[in-house]
């Protein structure tokens, strides 16, 4: 029975992670040759602590790129939670249950961060030792345009008006995503910071539009 469980876990781990490191199991104390962000000990099959040196991309088992595949990310998330959800460890000892809660929470945070374009960009910028500066220059003409767009959203009453604005802002965010992908690839962090500063305004408008869609009960 244990052999079958271990084989299943091994196949899962091999499909999710590739880099190898040496650690000791917190439960049985044996050295295990395992994979980065490993899940289970190869000796006692106990869930291991998440690797402190892993970033969100490694935890989720996806390539570290801004232009990531959101469908792949969602699949990895479901696969991980299938093994890590605390309900799976209800009959385990207290420490392993706590590890599952910690790991599951970390996976939730990683998924949420990488799924959202703005949060993903900010996170990738931080991995490179940079933050969006409050002093990042934004064109005054652009700020006036944003103010006008905010007013349009506030004054939109019909479903047609709201959905037209929704499509416009979504397309703008998609354009910024493409530009960010290129900027990250080129290592142009100054441009990345400027693009994220612009995206921040459009993301705020998008949130207002989504709120209006929910409040009016619009079915898309």
N, C-alpha and C. Protein backbone atom coordinates (compact mmCIF):
# COMPACT_ATOMS: atom_id res chain seq x y z
N UNK A 1 0.83 -1.21 0.00
CA UNK A 1 0.00 0.00 0.00
C UNK A 1 0.86 1.25 0.00
N UNK A 2 1.88 1.27 0.89
CA UNK A 2 2.77 2.43 0.96
C UNK A 2 3.53 2.64 -0.34
N UNK A 3 3.89 1.51 -0.98
CA UNK A 3 4.63 1.59 -2.23
C UNK A 3 3.80 2.27 -3.30
N UNK A 4 2.51 1.95 -3.33
CA UNK A 4 1.61 2.55 -4.32
C UNK A 4 1.48 4.05 -4.09
N UNK A 5 1.32 4.43 -2.83
CA UNK A 5 1.20 5.85 -2.49
C UNK A 5 2.46 6.60 -2.87
N UNK A 6 3.60 6.01 -2.57
CA UNK A 6 4.87 6.66 -2.87
C UNK A 6 5.07 6.81 -4.37
N UNK A 7 4.69 5.79 -5.13
CA UNK A 7 4.82 5.85 -6.58
C UNK A 7 3.98 6.98 -7.15
N UNK A 8 2.77 7.12 -6.64
CA UNK A 8 1.90 8.19 -7.10
C UNK A 8 2.51 9.55 -6.79
N UNK A 9 3.01 9.71 -5.58
CA UNK A 9 3.63 10.98 -5.19
C UNK A 9 4.86 11.26 -6.04
N UNK A 10 5.65 10.22 -6.32
CA UNK A 10 6.87 10.40 -7.09
C UNK A 10 6.56 10.89 -8.50
N UNK A 11 5.55 10.29 -9.13
CA UNK A 11 5.18 10.70 -10.48
C UNK A 11 4.73 12.15 -10.48
N UNK A 12 3.98 12.52 -9.44
CA UNK A 12 3.50 13.90 -9.34
C UNK A 12 4.68 14.85 -9.20
N UNK A 13 5.63 14.51 -8.32
CA UNK A 13 6.77 15.39 -8.08
C UNK A 13 7.63 15.52 -9.33
N UNK A 14 7.83 14.43 -10.04
CA UNK A 14 8.66 14.48 -11.23
C UNK A 14 8.04 15.34 -12.30
N UNK A 15 6.71 15.39 -12.35
CA UNK A 15 6.05 16.20 -13.36
C UNK A 15 6.04 17.67 -12.99
N UNK A 16 6.19 17.96 -11.68
CA UNK A 16 6.08 19.34 -11.21
C UNK A 16 7.42 20.04 -11.08
N UNK A 17 8.47 19.33 -10.68
CA UNK A 17 9.72 19.98 -10.36
C UNK A 17 10.92 19.24 -10.94
N UNK A 18 12.01 19.97 -11.20
CA UNK A 18 13.15 19.36 -11.85
C UNK A 18 14.47 19.54 -11.11
N UNK A 19 14.66 20.67 -10.45
CA UNK A 19 15.93 20.91 -9.80
C UNK A 19 16.08 20.03 -8.57
N UNK A 20 17.29 19.52 -8.32
CA UNK A 20 17.52 18.57 -7.24
C UNK A 20 18.37 19.19 -6.13
N UNK A 21 18.04 18.87 -4.89
CA UNK A 21 18.83 19.33 -3.76
C UNK A 21 18.80 18.25 -2.68
N UNK A 22 19.64 18.36 -1.67
CA UNK A 22 19.70 17.38 -0.59
C UNK A 22 19.15 17.99 0.69
N UNK A 23 18.19 17.32 1.33
CA UNK A 23 17.64 17.79 2.59
C UNK A 23 17.44 16.60 3.52
N UNK A 24 17.10 16.91 4.76
CA UNK A 24 16.77 15.86 5.73
C UNK A 24 15.30 15.99 6.09
N UNK A 25 14.62 14.87 6.21
CA UNK A 25 13.20 14.87 6.55
C UNK A 25 13.01 15.31 7.99
N UNK A 26 12.06 16.22 8.23
CA UNK A 26 11.82 16.70 9.59
C UNK A 26 11.19 15.62 10.47
N UNK A 27 10.58 14.61 9.85
CA UNK A 27 9.88 13.58 10.60
C UNK A 27 10.77 12.38 10.93
N UNK A 28 11.37 11.77 9.89
CA UNK A 28 12.18 10.57 10.13
C UNK A 28 13.67 10.87 10.26
N UNK A 29 14.07 12.10 9.87
CA UNK A 29 15.45 12.52 10.02
C UNK A 29 16.40 12.01 8.96
N UNK A 30 15.91 11.23 8.01
CA UNK A 30 16.78 10.66 6.99
C UNK A 30 17.06 11.68 5.89
N UNK A 31 18.28 11.58 5.33
CA UNK A 31 18.62 12.43 4.19
C UNK A 31 17.83 11.94 2.99
N UNK A 32 17.25 12.88 2.28
CA UNK A 32 16.48 12.50 1.09
C UNK A 32 16.93 13.32 -0.10
N UNK A 33 17.17 12.63 -1.18
CA UNK A 33 17.50 13.31 -2.43
C UNK A 33 16.18 13.64 -3.08
N UNK A 34 15.84 14.92 -3.04
CA UNK A 34 14.50 15.30 -3.45
C UNK A 34 14.54 16.47 -4.41
N UNK A 35 13.39 17.00 -4.74
CA UNK A 35 13.29 18.07 -5.72
C UNK A 35 12.92 19.39 -5.06
N UNK A 36 13.30 20.49 -5.67
CA UNK A 36 12.96 21.80 -5.13
C UNK A 36 11.45 21.88 -4.92
N UNK A 37 11.04 22.46 -3.80
CA UNK A 37 9.63 22.55 -3.42
C UNK A 37 9.01 21.15 -3.31
N UNK A 38 9.78 20.22 -2.78
CA UNK A 38 9.32 18.84 -2.63
C UNK A 38 8.08 18.75 -1.74
N UNK A 39 7.29 17.71 -1.98
CA UNK A 39 6.10 17.51 -1.18
C UNK A 39 6.29 16.45 -0.11
N UNK A 40 6.68 15.24 -0.52
CA UNK A 40 6.71 14.13 0.42
C UNK A 40 8.10 13.50 0.56
N UNK A 41 8.41 13.07 1.79
CA UNK A 41 9.66 12.36 2.05
C UNK A 41 9.64 11.03 1.32
N UNK A 42 10.75 10.68 0.69
CA UNK A 42 10.82 9.43 -0.07
C UNK A 42 10.94 8.21 0.83
N UNK A 43 11.18 8.43 2.14
CA UNK A 43 11.32 7.31 3.07
C UNK A 43 10.03 7.06 3.87
N UNK A 44 9.47 8.13 4.45
CA UNK A 44 8.29 7.95 5.32
C UNK A 44 7.01 8.54 4.74
N UNK A 45 7.12 9.15 3.54
CA UNK A 45 5.97 9.74 2.85
C UNK A 45 5.28 10.86 3.62
N UNK A 46 6.01 11.51 4.52
CA UNK A 46 5.46 12.64 5.28
C UNK A 46 5.66 13.93 4.50
N UNK A 47 4.65 14.79 4.53
CA UNK A 47 4.72 16.08 3.83
C UNK A 47 5.85 16.93 4.40
N UNK A 48 6.66 17.51 3.51
CA UNK A 48 7.80 18.32 3.93
C UNK A 48 7.47 19.81 3.96
N UNK A 49 8.27 20.55 4.71
CA UNK A 49 8.12 22.00 4.75
C UNK A 49 8.44 22.58 3.37
N UNK A 50 7.77 23.67 2.97
CA UNK A 50 8.11 24.31 1.69
C UNK A 50 9.53 24.87 1.75
N UNK A 51 10.21 24.83 0.62
CA UNK A 51 11.58 25.32 0.54
C UNK A 51 11.60 26.83 0.72
N UNK A 52 12.33 27.32 1.71
CA UNK A 52 12.38 28.75 2.01
C UNK A 52 13.02 29.55 0.88
N UNK A 53 13.82 28.90 0.05
CA UNK A 53 14.52 29.60 -1.03
C UNK A 53 13.72 29.63 -2.33
N UNK A 54 12.55 29.01 -2.33
CA UNK A 54 11.75 28.96 -3.56
C UNK A 54 10.90 30.22 -3.72
N UNK A 55 10.85 30.74 -4.94
CA UNK A 55 9.94 31.84 -5.20
C UNK A 55 8.60 31.27 -5.66
N UNK A 56 7.64 32.13 -5.92
CA UNK A 56 6.29 31.68 -6.26
C UNK A 56 6.26 30.85 -7.54
N UNK A 57 7.13 31.17 -8.49
CA UNK A 57 7.15 30.43 -9.75
C UNK A 57 7.59 28.98 -9.51
N UNK A 58 8.62 28.81 -8.68
CA UNK A 58 9.11 27.46 -8.38
C UNK A 58 8.08 26.68 -7.57
N UNK A 59 7.44 27.37 -6.64
CA UNK A 59 6.41 26.71 -5.82
C UNK A 59 5.28 26.18 -6.69
N UNK A 60 4.89 26.99 -7.69
CA UNK A 60 3.79 26.59 -8.57
C UNK A 60 4.25 25.68 -9.71
N UNK A 61 5.56 25.56 -9.91
CA UNK A 61 6.07 24.68 -10.96
C UNK A 61 5.87 25.23 -12.36
N UNK A 62 5.96 26.58 -12.50
CA UNK A 62 5.82 27.21 -13.82
C UNK A 62 7.07 28.03 -14.13
N UNK A 63 7.27 28.32 -15.40
CA UNK A 63 8.44 29.11 -15.81
C UNK A 63 8.37 30.52 -15.23
N UNK A 64 9.53 31.05 -14.88
CA UNK A 64 9.58 32.42 -14.35
C UNK A 64 9.58 33.40 -15.51
N UNK A 65 8.39 33.76 -15.93
CA UNK A 65 8.21 34.69 -17.04
C UNK A 65 6.94 35.49 -16.82
N UNK A 66 6.93 36.73 -17.26
CA UNK A 66 5.72 37.53 -17.09
C UNK A 66 4.61 37.00 -17.99
N UNK A 67 4.99 36.52 -19.15
CA UNK A 67 4.02 36.04 -20.13
C UNK A 67 3.70 34.57 -19.87
N UNK A 68 3.23 34.27 -18.66
CA UNK A 68 2.98 32.87 -18.32
C UNK A 68 1.61 32.40 -18.81
N UNK A 69 1.46 31.09 -18.90
CA UNK A 69 0.22 30.48 -19.35
C UNK A 69 -0.72 30.35 -18.14
N UNK A 70 -1.78 31.16 -18.12
CA UNK A 70 -2.69 31.16 -16.97
C UNK A 70 -3.44 29.84 -16.83
N UNK A 71 -3.70 29.17 -17.94
CA UNK A 71 -4.37 27.86 -17.87
C UNK A 71 -3.46 26.83 -17.22
N UNK A 72 -2.17 26.89 -17.57
CA UNK A 72 -1.20 25.98 -16.96
C UNK A 72 -1.07 26.27 -15.46
N UNK A 73 -1.05 27.56 -15.12
CA UNK A 73 -0.97 27.96 -13.71
C UNK A 73 -2.15 27.41 -12.92
N UNK A 74 -3.35 27.52 -13.49
CA UNK A 74 -4.56 27.03 -12.83
C UNK A 74 -4.50 25.52 -12.63
N UNK A 75 -3.98 24.81 -13.62
CA UNK A 75 -3.86 23.35 -13.53
C UNK A 75 -2.87 22.96 -12.43
N UNK A 76 -1.73 23.66 -12.38
CA UNK A 76 -0.73 23.37 -11.36
C UNK A 76 -1.30 23.63 -9.97
N UNK A 77 -2.09 24.70 -9.87
CA UNK A 77 -2.70 25.05 -8.59
C UNK A 77 -3.63 23.93 -8.11
N UNK A 78 -4.47 23.45 -9.01
CA UNK A 78 -5.40 22.38 -8.65
C UNK A 78 -4.65 21.11 -8.27
N UNK A 79 -3.57 20.80 -9.01
CA UNK A 79 -2.78 19.61 -8.72
C UNK A 79 -2.14 19.70 -7.33
N UNK A 80 -1.58 20.87 -7.03
CA UNK A 80 -0.93 21.05 -5.73
C UNK A 80 -1.94 20.96 -4.59
N UNK A 81 -3.07 21.64 -4.73
CA UNK A 81 -4.05 21.64 -3.65
C UNK A 81 -4.68 20.26 -3.46
N UNK A 82 -4.67 19.47 -4.52
CA UNK A 82 -5.20 18.10 -4.40
C UNK A 82 -4.37 17.29 -3.41
N UNK A 83 -3.07 17.62 -3.32
CA UNK A 83 -2.17 16.92 -2.40
C UNK A 83 -1.98 17.65 -1.08
N UNK A 84 -2.14 18.98 -1.10
CA UNK A 84 -1.76 19.78 0.06
C UNK A 84 -2.91 20.24 0.95
N UNK A 85 -4.13 20.16 0.47
CA UNK A 85 -5.25 20.70 1.25
C UNK A 85 -5.29 20.08 2.65
N UNK A 86 -5.43 20.91 3.68
CA UNK A 86 -5.44 20.42 5.07
C UNK A 86 -6.43 19.30 5.34
N UNK A 87 -7.54 19.26 4.60
CA UNK A 87 -8.52 18.18 4.80
C UNK A 87 -7.91 16.81 4.56
N UNK A 88 -6.88 16.77 3.71
CA UNK A 88 -6.20 15.50 3.42
C UNK A 88 -5.38 15.01 4.61
N UNK A 89 -5.12 15.92 5.57
CA UNK A 89 -4.24 15.59 6.69
C UNK A 89 -4.97 15.61 8.03
N UNK A 90 -6.30 15.53 7.96
CA UNK A 90 -7.10 15.59 9.19
C UNK A 90 -6.76 14.47 10.17
N UNK A 91 -6.36 13.31 9.64
CA UNK A 91 -6.04 12.16 10.50
C UNK A 91 -4.54 11.99 10.72
N UNK A 92 -3.74 12.97 10.27
CA UNK A 92 -2.30 12.92 10.47
C UNK A 92 -1.95 13.58 11.81
N UNK A 93 -0.65 13.54 12.17
CA UNK A 93 -0.27 14.18 13.43
C UNK A 93 -0.33 15.70 13.30
N UNK A 94 -0.32 16.38 14.43
CA UNK A 94 -0.52 17.83 14.47
C UNK A 94 0.51 18.58 13.63
N UNK A 95 1.78 18.16 13.69
CA UNK A 95 2.82 18.89 12.98
C UNK A 95 2.65 18.79 11.46
N UNK A 96 2.30 17.60 10.98
CA UNK A 96 2.11 17.46 9.54
C UNK A 96 0.89 18.24 9.07
N UNK A 97 -0.15 18.29 9.91
CA UNK A 97 -1.33 19.10 9.59
C UNK A 97 -0.95 20.57 9.49
N UNK A 98 -0.11 21.04 10.42
CA UNK A 98 0.33 22.43 10.41
C UNK A 98 1.17 22.72 9.16
N UNK A 99 2.00 21.75 8.76
CA UNK A 99 2.80 21.92 7.55
C UNK A 99 1.89 22.04 6.33
N UNK A 100 0.84 21.22 6.29
CA UNK A 100 -0.09 21.26 5.15
C UNK A 100 -0.82 22.60 5.10
N UNK A 101 -1.20 23.12 6.27
CA UNK A 101 -1.88 24.41 6.32
C UNK A 101 -0.96 25.52 5.84
N UNK A 102 0.29 25.47 6.27
CA UNK A 102 1.28 26.47 5.88
C UNK A 102 1.54 26.40 4.38
N UNK A 103 1.72 25.18 3.87
CA UNK A 103 2.03 24.98 2.46
C UNK A 103 0.85 25.38 1.58
N UNK A 104 -0.35 24.96 2.00
CA UNK A 104 -1.56 25.27 1.23
C UNK A 104 -1.78 26.78 1.16
N UNK A 105 -1.55 27.47 2.28
CA UNK A 105 -1.70 28.93 2.32
C UNK A 105 -0.69 29.60 1.39
N UNK A 106 0.54 29.07 1.38
CA UNK A 106 1.59 29.62 0.52
C UNK A 106 1.23 29.44 -0.95
N UNK A 107 0.69 28.28 -1.29
CA UNK A 107 0.28 28.01 -2.67
C UNK A 107 -0.86 28.94 -3.08
N UNK A 108 -1.80 29.17 -2.17
CA UNK A 108 -2.90 30.10 -2.45
C UNK A 108 -2.38 31.50 -2.75
N UNK A 109 -1.44 31.96 -1.93
CA UNK A 109 -0.87 33.29 -2.11
C UNK A 109 -0.07 33.38 -3.41
N UNK A 110 0.69 32.32 -3.71
CA UNK A 110 1.47 32.30 -4.95
C UNK A 110 0.56 32.34 -6.17
N UNK A 111 -0.50 31.54 -6.13
CA UNK A 111 -1.44 31.49 -7.26
C UNK A 111 -2.13 32.83 -7.46
N UNK A 112 -2.61 33.41 -6.38
CA UNK A 112 -3.29 34.70 -6.45
C UNK A 112 -2.37 35.78 -7.02
N UNK A 113 -1.12 35.79 -6.58
CA UNK A 113 -0.16 36.80 -7.02
C UNK A 113 0.20 36.64 -8.49
N UNK A 114 0.47 35.42 -8.92
CA UNK A 114 0.90 35.19 -10.30
C UNK A 114 -0.24 35.29 -11.29
N UNK A 115 -1.46 35.06 -10.84
CA UNK A 115 -2.61 35.10 -11.75
C UNK A 115 -2.96 36.53 -12.16
N UNK A 116 -2.79 37.48 -11.24
CA UNK A 116 -3.19 38.87 -11.49
C UNK A 116 -2.03 39.63 -12.14
N UNK A 117 -2.23 40.19 -13.35
CA UNK A 117 -1.14 40.84 -14.10
C UNK A 117 -0.36 41.90 -13.32
N UNK A 118 -1.07 42.76 -12.58
CA UNK A 118 -0.41 43.82 -11.83
C UNK A 118 0.43 43.23 -10.70
N UNK A 119 -0.17 42.33 -9.92
CA UNK A 119 0.54 41.71 -8.80
C UNK A 119 1.73 40.90 -9.28
N UNK A 120 1.57 40.21 -10.42
CA UNK A 120 2.66 39.42 -10.98
C UNK A 120 3.85 40.31 -11.35
N UNK A 121 3.55 41.45 -11.97
CA UNK A 121 4.61 42.37 -12.36
C UNK A 121 5.35 42.94 -11.16
N UNK A 122 4.60 43.33 -10.13
CA UNK A 122 5.22 43.88 -8.92
C UNK A 122 6.09 42.82 -8.25
N UNK A 123 5.59 41.58 -8.22
CA UNK A 123 6.35 40.49 -7.59
C UNK A 123 7.64 40.22 -8.35
N UNK A 124 7.56 40.17 -9.68
CA UNK A 124 8.77 39.92 -10.48
C UNK A 124 9.77 41.06 -10.32
N UNK A 125 9.27 42.26 -10.17
CA UNK A 125 10.14 43.41 -9.96
C UNK A 125 10.87 43.28 -8.62
N UNK A 126 10.14 42.83 -7.59
CA UNK A 126 10.75 42.63 -6.27
C UNK A 126 11.81 41.54 -6.30
N UNK A 127 11.58 40.50 -7.09
CA UNK A 127 12.58 39.44 -7.22
C UNK A 127 13.88 39.99 -7.79
N UNK A 128 13.78 41.10 -8.49
CA UNK A 128 14.96 41.74 -9.09
C UNK A 128 15.46 42.91 -8.24
N UNK A 129 14.94 42.97 -7.01
CA UNK A 129 15.41 43.98 -6.07
C UNK A 129 14.90 45.38 -6.30
N UNK A 130 13.76 45.51 -7.00
CA UNK A 130 13.21 46.83 -7.30
C UNK A 130 11.77 46.95 -6.80
N UNK A 131 11.35 48.18 -6.58
CA UNK A 131 9.97 48.48 -6.19
C UNK A 131 9.45 49.61 -7.06
N UNK A 132 8.13 49.68 -7.22
CA UNK A 132 7.55 50.82 -7.93
C UNK A 132 7.69 52.04 -7.04
N UNK A 133 8.34 53.05 -7.54
CA UNK A 133 8.56 54.26 -6.76
C UNK A 133 7.34 55.17 -6.84
N UNK A 134 7.03 55.80 -5.71
CA UNK A 134 5.93 56.77 -5.69
C UNK A 134 6.26 57.97 -6.57
N UNK A 135 7.56 58.12 -6.83
CA UNK A 135 8.02 59.27 -7.62
C UNK A 135 8.14 58.96 -9.11
N UNK A 136 7.69 57.75 -9.50
CA UNK A 136 7.74 57.41 -10.92
C UNK A 136 6.90 58.40 -11.71
N UNK A 137 7.52 59.03 -12.68
CA UNK A 137 6.84 60.09 -13.42
C UNK A 137 5.74 59.53 -14.32
N UNK A 138 4.59 60.17 -14.24
CA UNK A 138 3.47 59.83 -15.11
C UNK A 138 3.03 61.11 -15.80
N UNK A 139 2.88 61.03 -17.10
CA UNK A 139 2.53 62.20 -17.91
C UNK A 139 1.23 62.84 -17.42
N UNK A 140 1.23 64.17 -17.28
CA UNK A 140 0.04 64.90 -16.80
C UNK A 140 -1.15 64.71 -17.74
N UNK A 141 -0.86 64.64 -19.02
CA UNK A 141 -1.93 64.42 -20.00
C UNK A 141 -2.58 63.06 -19.76
N UNK A 142 -1.75 62.09 -19.38
CA UNK A 142 -2.26 60.75 -19.09
C UNK A 142 -3.16 60.79 -17.85
N UNK A 143 -2.74 61.52 -16.82
CA UNK A 143 -3.53 61.62 -15.59
C UNK A 143 -4.89 62.25 -15.85
N UNK A 144 -4.92 63.25 -16.73
CA UNK A 144 -6.19 63.89 -17.09
C UNK A 144 -7.09 62.87 -17.80
N UNK A 145 -6.48 62.07 -18.67
CA UNK A 145 -7.22 61.04 -19.39
C UNK A 145 -7.81 60.02 -18.42
N UNK A 146 -7.04 59.66 -17.40
CA UNK A 146 -7.51 58.70 -16.39
C UNK A 146 -8.67 59.28 -15.59
N UNK A 147 -8.57 60.56 -15.24
CA UNK A 147 -9.65 61.22 -14.50
C UNK A 147 -10.94 61.22 -15.32
N UNK A 148 -10.81 61.49 -16.60
CA UNK A 148 -11.97 61.51 -17.49
C UNK A 148 -12.58 60.11 -17.61
N UNK A 149 -11.71 59.10 -17.66
CA UNK A 149 -12.20 57.72 -17.78
C UNK A 149 -12.91 57.29 -16.50
N UNK A 150 -12.40 57.74 -15.36
CA UNK A 150 -13.06 57.45 -14.08
C UNK A 150 -14.46 58.06 -14.05
N UNK A 151 -14.58 59.26 -14.58
CA UNK A 151 -15.89 59.93 -14.62
C UNK A 151 -16.85 59.18 -15.53
N UNK A 152 -16.32 58.67 -16.65
CA UNK A 152 -17.15 57.89 -17.57
C UNK A 152 -17.73 56.66 -16.86
N UNK A 153 -16.88 56.00 -16.08
CA UNK A 153 -17.32 54.80 -15.36
C UNK A 153 -18.38 55.17 -14.32
N UNK A 154 -18.15 56.25 -13.60
CA UNK A 154 -19.10 56.70 -12.57
C UNK A 154 -20.45 57.08 -13.17
N UNK A 155 -20.42 57.63 -14.38
CA UNK A 155 -21.65 58.11 -15.01
C UNK A 155 -22.33 57.06 -15.89
N UNK A 156 -21.66 55.94 -16.11
CA UNK A 156 -22.24 54.88 -16.96
C UNK A 156 -23.45 54.27 -16.26
N UNK A 157 -24.57 54.20 -16.96
CA UNK A 157 -25.80 53.69 -16.35
C UNK A 157 -26.32 52.44 -17.05
N UNK A 158 -26.21 52.41 -18.37
CA UNK A 158 -26.76 51.27 -19.09
C UNK A 158 -25.74 50.13 -19.18
N UNK A 159 -26.26 48.94 -19.43
CA UNK A 159 -25.39 47.77 -19.59
C UNK A 159 -24.44 47.96 -20.77
N UNK A 160 -24.95 48.54 -21.85
CA UNK A 160 -24.13 48.76 -23.05
C UNK A 160 -22.95 49.67 -22.75
N UNK A 161 -23.19 50.74 -21.99
CA UNK A 161 -22.13 51.69 -21.65
C UNK A 161 -21.06 51.02 -20.79
N UNK A 162 -21.51 50.26 -19.81
CA UNK A 162 -20.57 49.60 -18.89
C UNK A 162 -19.73 48.56 -19.62
N UNK A 163 -20.38 47.76 -20.46
CA UNK A 163 -19.66 46.70 -21.16
C UNK A 163 -18.70 47.26 -22.22
N UNK A 164 -19.05 48.40 -22.79
CA UNK A 164 -18.14 49.04 -23.74
C UNK A 164 -16.87 49.51 -23.02
N UNK A 165 -17.05 50.10 -21.85
CA UNK A 165 -15.91 50.53 -21.04
C UNK A 165 -15.09 49.32 -20.58
N UNK A 166 -15.79 48.26 -20.24
CA UNK A 166 -15.12 47.03 -19.80
C UNK A 166 -14.19 46.49 -20.88
N UNK A 167 -14.68 46.44 -22.10
CA UNK A 167 -13.87 45.94 -23.22
C UNK A 167 -12.68 46.86 -23.48
N UNK A 168 -12.91 48.16 -23.42
CA UNK A 168 -11.84 49.13 -23.67
C UNK A 168 -10.71 48.98 -22.65
N UNK A 169 -11.06 48.90 -21.37
CA UNK A 169 -10.04 48.82 -20.32
C UNK A 169 -9.33 47.47 -20.35
N UNK A 170 -10.08 46.39 -20.60
CA UNK A 170 -9.47 45.07 -20.70
C UNK A 170 -8.44 45.03 -21.82
N UNK A 171 -8.77 45.64 -22.95
CA UNK A 171 -7.84 45.68 -24.08
C UNK A 171 -6.60 46.50 -23.75
N UNK A 172 -6.79 47.59 -22.99
CA UNK A 172 -5.66 48.42 -22.59
C UNK A 172 -4.72 47.65 -21.68
N UNK A 173 -5.29 46.89 -20.75
CA UNK A 173 -4.48 46.09 -19.83
C UNK A 173 -3.73 45.00 -20.59
N UNK A 174 -4.39 44.39 -21.58
CA UNK A 174 -3.73 43.36 -22.39
C UNK A 174 -2.55 43.95 -23.16
N UNK A 175 -2.72 45.16 -23.67
CA UNK A 175 -1.62 45.84 -24.38
C UNK A 175 -0.45 46.09 -23.44
N UNK A 176 -0.75 46.54 -22.23
CA UNK A 176 0.29 46.79 -21.23
C UNK A 176 1.00 45.49 -20.85
N UNK A 177 0.24 44.39 -20.78
CA UNK A 177 0.84 43.09 -20.46
C UNK A 177 1.87 42.69 -21.52
N UNK A 178 1.54 42.90 -22.77
CA UNK A 178 2.47 42.57 -23.86
C UNK A 178 3.73 43.42 -23.75
N UNK A 179 3.55 44.70 -23.45
CA UNK A 179 4.70 45.60 -23.32
C UNK A 179 5.56 45.22 -22.11
N UNK A 180 4.91 44.81 -21.03
CA UNK A 180 5.64 44.38 -19.83
C UNK A 180 6.43 43.11 -20.10
N UNK A 181 5.84 42.19 -20.84
CA UNK A 181 6.52 40.95 -21.17
C UNK A 181 7.83 41.22 -21.91
N UNK A 182 7.77 42.14 -22.86
CA UNK A 182 8.96 42.51 -23.64
C UNK A 182 9.98 43.21 -22.75
N UNK A 183 9.51 44.12 -21.90
CA UNK A 183 10.41 44.88 -21.02
C UNK A 183 11.13 43.96 -20.03
N UNK A 184 10.41 42.99 -19.47
CA UNK A 184 11.04 42.03 -18.56
C UNK A 184 12.06 41.18 -19.32
N UNK A 185 11.69 40.75 -20.51
CA UNK A 185 12.60 39.92 -21.32
C UNK A 185 13.88 40.69 -21.65
N UNK A 186 13.74 41.98 -21.92
CA UNK A 186 14.90 42.81 -22.26
C UNK A 186 15.68 43.25 -21.02
N UNK A 187 15.11 43.03 -19.84
CA UNK A 187 15.77 43.46 -18.61
C UNK A 187 15.71 44.95 -18.39
N UNK A 188 14.74 45.61 -19.04
CA UNK A 188 14.59 47.06 -18.93
C UNK A 188 13.68 47.37 -17.73
N UNK A 189 14.26 47.36 -16.53
CA UNK A 189 13.46 47.52 -15.32
C UNK A 189 12.89 48.93 -15.16
N UNK A 190 13.57 49.91 -15.73
CA UNK A 190 13.05 51.28 -15.66
C UNK A 190 11.73 51.37 -16.43
N UNK A 191 11.70 50.72 -17.59
CA UNK A 191 10.47 50.70 -18.38
C UNK A 191 9.40 49.87 -17.69
N UNK A 192 9.81 48.77 -17.06
CA UNK A 192 8.87 47.93 -16.31
C UNK A 192 8.17 48.76 -15.23
N UNK A 193 8.95 49.54 -14.49
CA UNK A 193 8.37 50.36 -13.42
C UNK A 193 7.38 51.39 -13.96
N UNK A 194 7.72 51.97 -15.10
CA UNK A 194 6.83 52.97 -15.69
C UNK A 194 5.54 52.32 -16.17
N UNK A 195 5.66 51.16 -16.82
CA UNK A 195 4.47 50.45 -17.32
C UNK A 195 3.57 49.99 -16.17
N UNK A 196 4.18 49.53 -15.09
CA UNK A 196 3.39 49.09 -13.93
C UNK A 196 2.68 50.28 -13.28
N UNK A 197 3.33 51.43 -13.29
CA UNK A 197 2.70 52.63 -12.74
C UNK A 197 1.46 53.01 -13.55
N UNK A 198 1.56 52.83 -14.87
CA UNK A 198 0.41 53.10 -15.74
C UNK A 198 -0.67 52.04 -15.53
N UNK A 199 -0.24 50.77 -15.45
CA UNK A 199 -1.20 49.68 -15.27
C UNK A 199 -1.97 49.83 -13.96
N UNK A 200 -1.34 50.40 -12.96
CA UNK A 200 -1.99 50.59 -11.66
C UNK A 200 -3.29 51.39 -11.81
N UNK A 201 -3.25 52.42 -12.65
CA UNK A 201 -4.44 53.26 -12.86
C UNK A 201 -5.53 52.49 -13.60
N UNK A 202 -5.12 51.75 -14.63
CA UNK A 202 -6.11 50.99 -15.41
C UNK A 202 -6.70 49.84 -14.59
N UNK A 203 -5.88 49.25 -13.73
CA UNK A 203 -6.37 48.18 -12.86
C UNK A 203 -7.42 48.72 -11.89
N UNK A 204 -7.18 49.93 -11.39
CA UNK A 204 -8.14 50.57 -10.49
C UNK A 204 -9.47 50.82 -11.20
N UNK A 205 -9.40 51.29 -12.45
CA UNK A 205 -10.61 51.53 -13.23
C UNK A 205 -11.32 50.20 -13.50
N UNK A 206 -10.54 49.17 -13.82
CA UNK A 206 -11.12 47.85 -14.09
C UNK A 206 -11.87 47.33 -12.86
N UNK A 207 -11.31 47.55 -11.68
CA UNK A 207 -11.98 47.12 -10.45
C UNK A 207 -13.32 47.83 -10.27
N UNK A 208 -13.34 49.12 -10.62
CA UNK A 208 -14.60 49.88 -10.54
C UNK A 208 -15.64 49.32 -11.50
N UNK A 209 -15.18 48.98 -12.70
CA UNK A 209 -16.10 48.44 -13.71
C UNK A 209 -16.66 47.09 -13.27
N UNK A 210 -15.79 46.23 -12.73
CA UNK A 210 -16.25 44.91 -12.28
C UNK A 210 -17.25 45.05 -11.14
N UNK A 211 -17.04 46.05 -10.29
CA UNK A 211 -17.98 46.31 -9.21
C UNK A 211 -19.33 46.76 -9.76
N UNK A 212 -19.29 47.61 -10.79
CA UNK A 212 -20.53 48.09 -11.42
C UNK A 212 -21.27 46.94 -12.09
N UNK A 213 -20.52 46.03 -12.71
CA UNK A 213 -21.13 44.87 -13.37
C UNK A 213 -21.85 43.99 -12.35
N UNK A 214 -21.20 43.77 -11.20
CA UNK A 214 -21.82 42.96 -10.14
C UNK A 214 -23.04 43.65 -9.56
N UNK A 215 -22.92 44.95 -9.30
CA UNK A 215 -24.02 45.69 -8.68
C UNK A 215 -25.26 45.74 -9.55
N UNK A 216 -25.06 45.77 -10.86
CA UNK A 216 -26.19 45.84 -11.78
C UNK A 216 -26.66 44.46 -12.22
N UNK A 217 -25.98 43.43 -11.72
CA UNK A 217 -26.39 42.06 -12.04
C UNK A 217 -26.24 41.71 -13.50
N UNK A 218 -25.22 42.30 -14.14
CA UNK A 218 -25.00 42.04 -15.57
C UNK A 218 -24.40 40.65 -15.74
N UNK A 219 -25.00 39.86 -16.61
CA UNK A 219 -24.51 38.51 -16.90
C UNK A 219 -23.70 38.56 -18.19
N UNK A 220 -22.43 38.12 -18.10
CA UNK A 220 -21.57 38.17 -19.28
C UNK A 220 -21.50 36.82 -19.98
